[in-house]
């Protein structure tokens, strides 16, 4: 799962990134209004953590731009501006949650998890597709009750596929999801094929074949 942390306090932002990375999230950072606007418009995220007080502008304007672009990312406002008006305005514009500073990182992690689960997986702690069963809390994956061991990248890729079931996903979209804005600097995207190949092999070995279809010249699709 990929997150964008929009927070101008670098020490706090780095602490959030370190903690959420330990929870297996891919995190990117923006420290100013302009940088945040650029990343939010160029890349896709599962969740955006948004501070309201930013150098160069107001976080609520970023929230408005996200919603006007029909960006599917969930948004959690994290701000020391804890007045009722700020909270109400943020929710009215389209924020999914509001967490006033200071906060515990474990609380933030719970909010992020709950938001992603609610938006992508119908508020369930378990996810089923074909004969695959995923426990989103323990990150355990079973095929026909057999536990299969996936790398972090393979697990992220599996959730990305199921979250976009029956849709064709381009190779570049998968590269961006797995590596964030670093994808633009990669010489090629062959690493995506390698991860897909390994994931397909593990699923097939456990009895879940033909879930991932190669759509020639376009990308891949998870089929149910």
Protein backbone atom coordinates (compact mmCIF):
# COMPACT_ATOMS: atom_id res chain seq x y z
CA UNK A 1 0.00 0.00 0.00
CA UNK A 2 1.36 3.42 -0.98
CA UNK A 3 1.05 6.57 1.12
CA UNK A 4 1.91 10.23 0.64
CA UNK A 5 2.86 12.13 3.79
CA UNK A 6 2.34 15.88 3.33
CA UNK A 7 4.01 17.42 6.38
CA UNK A 8 6.49 20.30 6.53
CA UNK A 9 8.05 19.26 9.87
CA UNK A 10 10.77 16.98 8.58
CA UNK A 11 11.47 15.29 11.89
CA UNK A 12 7.81 14.36 12.32
CA UNK A 13 7.48 13.32 8.68
CA UNK A 14 10.56 11.09 8.93
CA UNK A 15 9.23 9.52 12.15
CA UNK A 16 5.92 8.75 10.42
CA UNK A 17 7.72 7.24 7.43
CA UNK A 18 9.97 5.08 9.62
CA UNK A 19 7.04 3.77 11.65
CA UNK A 20 4.71 3.12 8.71
CA UNK A 21 7.53 1.51 6.73
CA UNK A 22 7.86 -0.99 9.59
CA UNK A 23 4.16 -1.70 9.02
CA UNK A 24 4.97 -2.57 5.37
CA UNK A 25 3.68 0.65 3.79
CA UNK A 26 5.50 2.37 0.93
CA UNK A 27 5.76 6.04 1.90
CA UNK A 28 6.60 9.17 -0.06
CA UNK A 29 7.02 12.66 1.36
CA UNK A 30 6.13 16.22 0.42
CA UNK A 31 7.27 19.16 2.55
CA UNK A 32 5.63 22.13 0.83
CA UNK A 33 2.37 23.10 -0.85
CA UNK A 34 3.84 23.05 -4.37
CA UNK A 35 5.60 19.72 -3.90
CA UNK A 36 2.43 18.18 -2.48
CA UNK A 37 0.28 19.46 -5.35
CA UNK A 38 2.73 18.06 -7.90
CA UNK A 39 2.93 14.58 -6.35
CA UNK A 40 -0.81 14.34 -5.71
CA UNK A 41 -1.52 15.16 -9.36
CA UNK A 42 1.18 12.95 -10.91
CA UNK A 43 1.01 9.78 -8.83
CA UNK A 44 -1.64 7.53 -7.30
CA UNK A 45 -1.81 6.70 -3.61
CA UNK A 46 -3.94 4.52 -1.38
CA UNK A 47 -3.88 7.12 1.40
CA UNK A 48 -2.69 10.70 1.82
CA UNK A 49 -1.77 12.15 5.23
CA UNK A 50 -2.34 15.88 4.96
CA UNK A 51 -1.14 18.71 7.19
CA UNK A 52 -3.08 21.96 6.81
CA UNK A 53 -0.30 24.45 7.58
CA UNK A 54 2.23 24.24 4.76
CA UNK A 55 4.87 26.55 3.30
CA UNK A 56 3.31 28.15 0.23
CA UNK A 57 -0.34 27.37 0.81
CA UNK A 58 -3.19 25.79 2.74
CA UNK A 59 -3.68 22.03 2.92
CA UNK A 60 -7.41 22.43 2.35
CA UNK A 61 -6.66 23.71 -1.16
CA UNK A 62 -4.73 20.51 -1.82
CA UNK A 63 -7.72 18.54 -0.58
CA UNK A 64 -10.00 20.47 -2.95
CA UNK A 65 -7.68 19.74 -5.88
CA UNK A 66 -7.57 16.02 -5.01
CA UNK A 67 -11.35 15.80 -4.98
CA UNK A 68 -11.77 17.84 -8.16
CA UNK A 69 -9.43 15.40 -9.94
CA UNK A 70 -11.55 12.47 -8.72
CA UNK A 71 -8.42 11.09 -7.09
CA UNK A 72 -9.38 7.79 -5.39
CA UNK A 73 -6.92 8.21 -2.50
CA UNK A 74 -8.28 8.34 1.03
CA UNK A 75 -7.27 11.46 2.96
CA UNK A 76 -6.51 11.80 6.66
CA UNK A 77 -5.89 15.34 7.91
CA UNK A 78 -3.11 15.51 10.50
CA UNK A 79 -2.85 19.02 11.86
CA UNK A 80 -2.23 21.09 14.97
CA UNK A 81 -5.13 23.25 13.80
CA UNK A 82 -7.72 21.36 15.79
CA UNK A 83 -10.53 23.89 15.71
CA UNK A 84 -14.02 22.64 14.93
CA UNK A 85 -14.18 24.80 11.79
CA UNK A 86 -11.06 23.16 10.31
CA UNK A 87 -12.40 19.69 11.02
CA UNK A 88 -15.84 20.48 9.59
CA UNK A 89 -14.40 22.15 6.48
CA UNK A 90 -12.05 19.25 5.86
CA UNK A 91 -14.80 16.66 6.14
CA UNK A 92 -17.13 18.75 3.94
CA UNK A 93 -14.49 19.00 1.21
CA UNK A 94 -13.98 15.24 1.31
CA UNK A 95 -11.43 14.20 3.96
CA UNK A 96 -12.05 10.73 5.37
CA UNK A 97 -10.64 11.32 8.85
CA UNK A 98 -9.06 13.97 11.07
CA UNK A 99 -6.27 13.32 13.59
CA UNK A 100 -5.12 16.32 15.65
CA UNK A 101 -1.49 16.73 16.70
CA UNK A 102 0.12 15.48 18.81
CA UNK A 103 -0.79 11.86 18.19
CA UNK A 104 0.69 8.42 18.80
CA UNK A 105 2.09 6.72 15.73
CA UNK A 106 0.21 3.54 16.61
CA UNK A 107 -3.04 5.52 16.51
CA UNK A 108 -2.11 6.92 13.11
CA UNK A 109 -1.32 3.42 11.84
CA UNK A 110 -4.73 2.17 13.00
CA UNK A 111 -6.48 5.07 11.24
CA UNK A 112 -4.57 4.37 8.01
CA UNK A 113 -5.34 0.66 8.15
CA UNK A 114 -9.03 1.27 8.85
CA UNK A 115 -9.32 3.78 6.01
CA UNK A 116 -7.68 1.53 3.42
CA UNK A 117 -9.71 -1.47 4.57
CA UNK A 118 -12.95 0.54 4.39
CA UNK A 119 -12.29 2.03 0.96
CA UNK A 120 -10.83 -1.00 -0.79
CA UNK A 121 -12.06 -4.10 0.98
CA UNK A 122 -15.56 -3.32 2.27
CA UNK A 123 -14.46 -2.88 5.90
CA UNK A 124 -13.47 -6.53 6.25
CA UNK A 125 -10.36 -7.81 8.03
CA UNK A 126 -10.32 -10.76 5.66
CA UNK A 127 -10.24 -10.78 1.89
CA UNK A 128 -11.29 -13.63 -0.37
CA UNK A 129 -10.81 -14.01 -4.10
CA UNK A 130 -11.17 -17.27 -5.98
CA UNK A 131 -9.73 -19.87 -3.57
CA UNK A 132 -7.40 -17.37 -1.90
CA UNK A 133 -7.97 -16.16 1.65
CA UNK A 134 -6.01 -13.16 3.05
CA UNK A 135 -5.97 -12.04 6.67
CA UNK A 136 -5.30 -8.30 6.37
CA UNK A 137 -4.25 -7.97 10.01
CA UNK A 138 -1.71 -10.79 10.15
CA UNK A 139 -0.93 -10.52 6.40
CA UNK A 140 -1.30 -14.28 6.14
CA UNK A 141 -2.19 -15.65 2.70
CA UNK A 142 -3.82 -19.07 2.29
CA UNK A 143 -4.74 -21.00 -0.81
CA UNK A 144 -7.11 -23.89 -0.12
CA UNK A 145 -6.14 -23.55 3.57
CA UNK A 146 -2.46 -23.87 2.70
CA UNK A 147 -0.32 -20.96 3.89
CA UNK A 148 1.92 -19.50 1.19
CA UNK A 149 4.88 -17.30 1.99
CA UNK A 150 5.12 -14.10 -0.04
CA UNK A 151 7.70 -11.35 -0.01
CA UNK A 152 6.50 -7.87 0.95
CA UNK A 153 6.47 -6.85 -2.71
CA UNK A 154 4.55 -9.96 -3.78
CA UNK A 155 1.99 -9.36 -1.01
CA UNK A 156 1.55 -5.71 -2.05
CA UNK A 157 1.18 -6.80 -5.65
CA UNK A 158 -1.45 -9.40 -4.72
CA UNK A 159 -3.55 -6.80 -2.86
CA UNK A 160 -3.13 -4.35 -5.73
CA UNK A 161 -4.40 -6.94 -8.21
CA UNK A 162 -7.38 -7.97 -6.08
CA UNK A 163 -8.22 -4.35 -5.27
CA UNK A 164 -8.41 -3.75 -9.04
CA UNK A 165 -10.03 -7.07 -9.93
CA UNK A 166 -11.28 -7.49 -13.48
CA UNK A 167 -9.50 -4.31 -14.57
CA UNK A 168 -6.52 -4.19 -16.90
CA UNK A 169 -3.52 -2.71 -15.07
CA UNK A 170 -0.62 -1.37 -17.09
CA UNK A 171 2.96 -2.32 -16.35
CA UNK A 172 3.80 1.32 -15.64
CA UNK A 173 0.95 1.59 -13.10
CA UNK A 174 2.30 -1.45 -11.27
CA UNK A 175 5.82 -0.05 -11.35
CA UNK A 176 4.59 3.20 -9.84
CA UNK A 177 2.59 1.36 -7.17
CA UNK A 178 5.58 -0.75 -6.14
CA UNK A 179 8.31 1.89 -6.29
CA UNK A 180 6.50 5.24 -6.07
CA UNK A 181 7.95 8.28 -7.78
CA UNK A 182 11.25 6.40 -8.16
CA UNK A 183 9.59 4.57 -11.08
CA UNK A 184 10.29 7.58 -13.32
CA UNK A 185 14.04 7.18 -12.74
CA UNK A 186 14.24 3.45 -13.47
CA UNK A 187 15.92 2.42 -16.71
CA UNK A 188 13.26 -0.22 -17.31
CA UNK A 189 10.34 -1.87 -15.58
CA UNK A 190 11.42 -5.49 -15.95
CA UNK A 191 11.34 -5.87 -12.16
CA UNK A 192 7.53 -5.81 -12.41
CA UNK A 193 7.53 -8.85 -14.66
CA UNK A 194 9.87 -10.67 -12.26
CA UNK A 195 7.58 -10.07 -9.27
CA UNK A 196 4.48 -11.08 -11.24
CA UNK A 197 6.18 -14.24 -12.45
CA UNK A 198 7.17 -15.19 -8.90
CA UNK A 199 3.71 -14.42 -7.52
CA UNK A 200 1.99 -16.45 -10.24
CA UNK A 201 4.33 -19.40 -9.59
CA UNK A 202 3.64 -19.41 -5.85
CA UNK A 203 -0.12 -19.16 -6.34
CA UNK A 204 -0.15 -21.86 -9.00
CA UNK A 205 1.97 -24.18 -6.86
CA UNK A 206 -0.63 -23.86 -4.09
CA UNK A 207 -3.56 -24.47 -6.43
CA UNK A 208 -4.58 -20.96 -7.53
CA UNK A 209 -3.84 -20.96 -11.24
CA UNK A 210 -4.85 -18.53 -13.95
CA UNK A 211 -5.81 -15.68 -11.60
CA UNK A 212 -3.42 -13.26 -13.30
CA UNK A 213 -3.95 -12.88 -17.03
CA UNK A 214 -1.46 -11.26 -19.37
CA UNK A 215 -3.33 -8.86 -21.67
CA UNK A 216 -1.00 -8.65 -24.65
CA UNK A 217 0.41 -5.20 -25.26
CA UNK A 218 -1.65 -3.66 -22.46
CA UNK A 219 -0.86 -5.10 -19.05
CA UNK A 220 -2.30 -7.61 -16.61
CA UNK A 221 -5.68 -8.41 -15.10
CA UNK A 222 -6.83 -10.26 -11.99
CA UNK A 223 -9.70 -12.54 -13.02
CA UNK A 224 -12.41 -13.86 -10.72
